[in-house]
Amino acid sequence: MITLQHYLIVSAALFSLGMLGILTRRNAVNVLMGVELVLNSANLNLVAFSRFGSGNLQGQLFAVFVIVIAAAEVAVALAIVLTLYRLRRTSNLDAADILRG
């Protein structure tokens, strides 16, 4: 039987991999994938605590809300990455200082 501890271990692993990807990668797409891993680990925590907690749907509804916000975040971030690539022909985040006003 899968317990809350199993969910929390998987969520901690996802969070660690996401943070590792954010901190070590310079490619914007890889950093976005790391951010998505961190957000998915938070969603897993919300759903797990909703299931093993009080039994109401608040955690699951909040997880759906986070997924919608993450989709909007990815759309905006990919637009910025495409602009960066169009201007500098690279998706390296070290070249992102050109977007400053």
C-alpha atoms as a PDB file:
ATOM      1  CA  MET A   1       0.000   0.000   0.000  1.00  0.00           C
ATOM      2  CA  ILE A   2       1.284   3.436  -0.886  1.00  0.00           C
ATOM      3  CA  THR A   3       1.408   5.746   2.112  1.00  0.00           C
ATOM      4  CA  LEU A   4       1.866   9.481   2.497  1.00  0.00           C
ATOM      5  CA  GLN A   5       5.571   8.940   3.092  1.00  0.00           C
ATOM      6  CA  HIS A   6       5.977   7.412  -0.374  1.00  0.00           C
ATOM      7  CA  TYR A   7       4.366  10.444  -1.985  1.00  0.00           C
ATOM      8  CA  LEU A   8       6.557  12.803   0.027  1.00  0.00           C
ATOM      9  CA  ILE A   9       9.728  10.925  -0.951  1.00  0.00           C
ATOM     10  CA  VAL A  10       8.841  11.090  -4.648  1.00  0.00           C
ATOM     11  CA  SER A  11       7.931  14.755  -4.280  1.00  0.00           C
ATOM     12  CA  ALA A  12      11.235  15.519  -2.549  1.00  0.00           C
ATOM     13  CA  ALA A  13      13.104  13.729  -5.343  1.00  0.00           C
ATOM     14  CA  LEU A  14      11.228  15.742  -7.991  1.00  0.00           C
ATOM     15  CA  PHE A  15      11.921  18.966  -6.115  1.00  0.00           C
ATOM     16  CA  SER A  16      15.620  18.135  -5.773  1.00  0.00           C
ATOM     17  CA  LEU A  17      15.959  17.281  -9.463  1.00  0.00           C
ATOM     18  CA  GLY A  18      14.141  20.467 -10.416  1.00  0.00           C
ATOM     19  CA  MET A  19      16.346  22.644  -8.231  1.00  0.00           C
ATOM     20  CA  LEU A  20      19.429  20.897  -9.573  1.00  0.00           C
ATOM     21  CA  GLY A  21      18.265  21.659 -13.105  1.00  0.00           C
ATOM     22  CA  ILE A  22      17.549  25.293 -12.262  1.00  0.00           C
ATOM     23  CA  LEU A  23      20.864  25.902 -10.532  1.00  0.00           C
ATOM     24  CA  THR A  24      23.220  24.036 -12.863  1.00  0.00           C
ATOM     25  CA  ARG A  25      21.838  24.626 -16.356  1.00  0.00           C
ATOM     26  CA  ARG A  26      22.325  27.775 -18.413  1.00  0.00           C
ATOM     27  CA  ASN A  27      20.006  26.816 -21.256  1.00  0.00           C
ATOM     28  CA  ALA A  28      16.634  28.516 -20.814  1.00  0.00           C
ATOM     29  CA  VAL A  29      14.613  25.490 -21.893  1.00  0.00           C
ATOM     30  CA  ASN A  30      16.378  23.273 -19.350  1.00  0.00           C
ATOM     31  CA  VAL A  31      15.745  25.837 -16.618  1.00  0.00           C
ATOM     32  CA  LEU A  32      12.056  25.905 -17.561  1.00  0.00           C
ATOM     33  CA  MET A  33      11.940  22.124 -17.305  1.00  0.00           C
ATOM     34  CA  GLY A  34      13.462  22.402 -13.823  1.00  0.00           C
ATOM     35  CA  VAL A  35      10.818  24.935 -12.811  1.00  0.00           C
ATOM     36  CA  GLU A  36       8.109  22.585 -14.035  1.00  0.00           C
ATOM     37  CA  LEU A  37       9.574  19.747 -11.958  1.00  0.00           C
ATOM     38  CA  VAL A  38       9.471  21.961  -8.861  1.00  0.00           C
ATOM     39  CA  LEU A  39       5.856  22.933  -9.548  1.00  0.00           C
ATOM     40  CA  ASN A  40       4.878  19.304 -10.135  1.00  0.00           C
ATOM     41  CA  SER A  41       6.470  18.308  -6.840  1.00  0.00           C
ATOM     42  CA  ALA A  42       4.323  20.924  -5.120  1.00  0.00           C
ATOM     43  CA  ASN A  43       1.243  19.573  -6.913  1.00  0.00           C
ATOM     44  CA  LEU A  44       2.076  16.052  -5.796  1.00  0.00           C
ATOM     45  CA  ASN A  45       2.303  17.288  -2.207  1.00  0.00           C
ATOM     46  CA  LEU A  46      -1.042  19.063  -2.480  1.00  0.00           C
ATOM     47  CA  VAL A  47      -2.815  16.010  -3.864  1.00  0.00           C
ATOM     48  CA  ALA A  48      -1.163  13.650  -1.365  1.00  0.00           C
ATOM     49  CA  PHE A  49      -2.096  15.796   1.618  1.00  0.00           C
ATOM     50  CA  SER A  50      -5.605  16.156   0.231  1.00  0.00           C
ATOM     51  CA  ARG A  51      -5.930  12.380  -0.052  1.00  0.00           C
ATOM     52  CA  PHE A  52      -4.476  11.508   3.340  1.00  0.00           C
ATOM     53  CA  GLY A  53      -5.688  14.601   5.172  1.00  0.00           C
ATOM     54  CA  SER A  54      -9.214  15.746   5.742  1.00  0.00           C
ATOM     55  CA  GLY A  55     -10.548  14.149   2.574  1.00  0.00           C
ATOM     56  CA  ASN A  56     -11.886  17.327   0.999  1.00  0.00           C
ATOM     57  CA  LEU A  57     -11.021  18.476  -2.498  1.00  0.00           C
ATOM     58  CA  GLN A  58      -9.270  21.738  -1.615  1.00  0.00           C
ATOM     59  CA  GLY A  59      -5.785  20.348  -2.249  1.00  0.00           C
ATOM     60  CA  GLN A  60      -6.791  18.895  -5.590  1.00  0.00           C
ATOM     61  CA  LEU A  61      -8.506  22.099  -6.681  1.00  0.00           C
ATOM     62  CA  PHE A  62      -5.459  24.117  -5.700  1.00  0.00           C
ATOM     63  CA  ALA A  63      -3.269  21.687  -7.673  1.00  0.00           C
ATOM     64  CA  VAL A  64      -5.421  22.299 -10.769  1.00  0.00           C
ATOM     65  CA  PHE A  65      -5.063  26.040 -10.180  1.00  0.00           C
ATOM     66  CA  VAL A  66      -1.262  25.665  -9.972  1.00  0.00           C
ATOM     67  CA  ILE A  67      -1.259  23.668 -13.231  1.00  0.00           C
ATOM     68  CA  VAL A  68      -3.191  26.447 -14.999  1.00  0.00           C
ATOM     69  CA  ILE A  69      -0.812  29.110 -13.672  1.00  0.00           C
ATOM     70  CA  ALA A  70       2.179  26.968 -14.698  1.00  0.00           C
ATOM     71  CA  ALA A  71       0.823  26.689 -18.236  1.00  0.00           C
ATOM     72  CA  ALA A  72       0.545  30.471 -18.458  1.00  0.00           C
ATOM     73  CA  GLU A  73       4.045  30.821 -17.008  1.00  0.00           C
ATOM     74  CA  VAL A  74       5.468  28.461 -19.623  1.00  0.00           C
ATOM     75  CA  ALA A  75       3.756  30.361 -22.435  1.00  0.00           C
ATOM     76  CA  VAL A  76       5.241  33.676 -21.298  1.00  0.00           C
ATOM     77  CA  ALA A  77       8.669  32.169 -20.637  1.00  0.00           C
ATOM     78  CA  LEU A  78       8.809  30.490 -24.042  1.00  0.00           C
ATOM     79  CA  ALA A  79       7.884  33.784 -25.695  1.00  0.00           C
ATOM     80  CA  ILE A  80      10.809  35.407 -23.882  1.00  0.00           C
ATOM     81  CA  VAL A  81      13.131  32.560 -24.901  1.00  0.00           C
ATOM     82  CA  LEU A  82      12.042  32.885 -28.544  1.00  0.00           C
ATOM     83  CA  THR A  83      12.730  36.625 -28.415  1.00  0.00           C
ATOM     84  CA  LEU A  84      16.136  35.959 -26.884  1.00  0.00           C
ATOM     85  CA  TYR A  85      16.912  33.397 -29.572  1.00  0.00           C
ATOM     86  CA  ARG A  86      15.756  35.708 -32.349  1.00  0.00           C
ATOM     87  CA  LEU A  87      17.992  38.537 -31.094  1.00  0.00           C
ATOM     88  CA  ARG A  88      21.129  36.599 -30.091  1.00  0.00           C
ATOM     89  CA  ARG A  89      20.799  33.206 -31.828  1.00  0.00           C
ATOM     90  CA  THR A  90      21.262  31.468 -28.485  1.00  0.00           C
ATOM     91  CA  SER A  91      19.035  30.311 -25.650  1.00  0.00           C
ATOM     92  CA  ASN A  92      21.836  30.679 -23.111  1.00  0.00           C
ATOM     93  CA  LEU A  93      20.655  32.662 -20.100  1.00  0.00           C
ATOM     94  CA  ASP A  94      23.967  34.529 -19.865  1.00  0.00           C
ATOM     95  CA  ALA A  95      22.867  36.460 -22.953  1.00  0.00           C
ATOM     96  CA  ALA A  96      19.548  37.407 -21.346  1.00  0.00           C
ATOM     97  CA  ASP A  97      20.869  40.749 -20.077  1.00  0.00           C
ATOM     98  CA  ILE A  98      20.122  42.224 -23.510  1.00  0.00           C
ATOM     99  CA  LEU A  99      16.415  42.274 -22.645  1.00  0.00           C
ATOM    100  CA  ARG A 100      16.931  44.844 -19.899  1.00  0.00           C
ATOM    101  CA  GLY A 101      15.415  48.184 -20.698  1.00  0.00           C
END
